[in-house]
Amino acid sequence: MLVDEWITLVAVLLPGFLLVESRYFFRDDVRVLYSWSDASFDMLTDRGFGMIEHGEVNFALHCPRPEPLNPPDLWLLLCSMAGGRQFARMPPTQLNYNCHRLSTGVDDIVHKSESFCHRRRVRTNGTGMYYLNFEVLNTDYYRFVLLQCPTLKGSSSVGNYSDGFDLQSKCTSALMAMNPGGEQLSSDEIPMIYIYDMLLFFWLALLILWFGNFLMFRRFSNALHKMLTLAPILKLLLVALILSRWRSISEHGLEYTSVENVCHLFRSIEDAFIFTLMLLIARGWGLLHSKMDNLRWASFAFFFVIFAVSLMCVDWVHSYFLAFSICCVVFLTYRTLKCCSVNIEYLQRRRRKFRHFINRCNLQYSSSVTVDDQLCHKIEIFSKFRVICAAFSLSFSLIVTLAMFLSEYAYVQALTYELPKIFTYVGIGIMFRLRNFAPFQHIRLAPPKENVVVFMVPEVSQKFVRPEVILGVPEQDNEVELACYLKRQKKR
């Protein structure tokens, strides 16, 4: 498309484009001065954009009429990230000096190791429209800066207008940076489509395996297993939404604020859900007991809402909420690890007591699986789960904290965020997958018939009534009490 046609298209469609926030391209608050003053600048992009060699940059600036006889001296600067930070800290005197250097034909006004700013002059067509179109010759990560240099002191660029003419105008800018092949993504964002394509395939395959396992052993499924199913479903929806967002940006070059907000909403809910679910598992729900009171459920809902809202506020309100989110992670992790440790100690005590009971009464098992095996298996689950929770919580805190330093490497940021979750979900899925639990449900004792009698009392489905194992021992001589032992075991 020719430059003039592109400028006309921007001028016509710019008001509509402003309804959807572009990633780097549009701003409606660029300040242009029509009289002599110190040099000033505006950052045209919130973050950098990775340009590949032979990429194209189109820039247009539309200011309200009337236009002065002597147009302002505008320059578009392509700065490296270090050069952009250095440029933003320059005092007015240094900016004026750089403008003087630009007038002498210097290519780089900032040049210090990896800090540089290349310059391009912005032209005007005499109708209040300023434009620039050029090809980028070097592959690098740039920030775009609009520099306005002062006109000659003592000249009047607005002398042909009345005294009421506004010497400062608020203009609207449109910047489009396109990589070769019509690619709208930054060089560090191009791998994002391939990464999320693989992630979508991975989570879809994982969900198919999970449902296949459920169909094979569905009679052993409980409420905990059904709640665990929500985690990969939520993750799959989030990955599909993020992938569609990147594809839309690649094709059209626009990022709709609503889509970005929905992605952030789902990501916050998914993060809060996995931490709350880990705390729920650590409390023993579905492993040691199947019911919880309403107050306990309300506390889990409270933790979930507070953590999710804090993550949302990091992007929607202020980055200071990141500290509160890290505090939520620390608190939930502490409670999860503590509950795991308490349950492990409880199971170990139960194991010692039951083994003492079996040895004292000289009992033997007629089944291949014993109660000791059952308790050891649950202790192993809690021990491995505790390690997974500690590793995931530590990596999550580090990644969220360091994410702000990876802005130039979007694909690295995505991988460091997704890989720990993949290992965590896979680890939890392997531990809590369904299998043949029938041997654990039919544990049989074979006591010596001549010495004792064992009564296995079935579970009574009433509140606060627990299954019992009653051991009857023959009464010895001169004993007043009946030698009968009662062993109560918590409902599993």
Foldseek 3Di string as FASTA:
>chain_A
DDLVVVLVVCVVCVVVQVQFDFQQWKDQFDKDFQAFDFKDKDFRHPFWFWADAFWKKKKKKAWDDDAFPDHWWKKKKWWAPVQVVVVVPDDSVLLQVLVVVVVVPDQWSDDDPRTTIGIDTWDDPNHRMTIDMDTHHHGHITTIMMMTHGDDPPDHRHPVDDPPDDRMTGMMMTMQIAYPPRFRHGPLCVCVLVVLVVVLVVLVVVLVVQVVLCVVFVVPDDPLSVLLSVLSVLVNVLSVLVNVQSVCCGNPVGHGPVSVLVSQLSVLLNVLSVLLSLLVVLLVDVHQDPDDDPVVVVVSVVLSVVLSVLSSCCPVPHVVSLVVNLVSLVVSLVSSLVSLVVVLVVLVVVLVVVVVVCVVQVKAWPAPDAVNNSSVLSSVLSVLSNVLSVVLSVLQSVLSVCVVVCPVNVVVSVCSNVVSVVVSSVSVCVSPRDDPCVSVVDIGMDGDPVFKDKDFADADPDPPGFTWIKIFGDDDPPDDDGPIDIDTDRDD
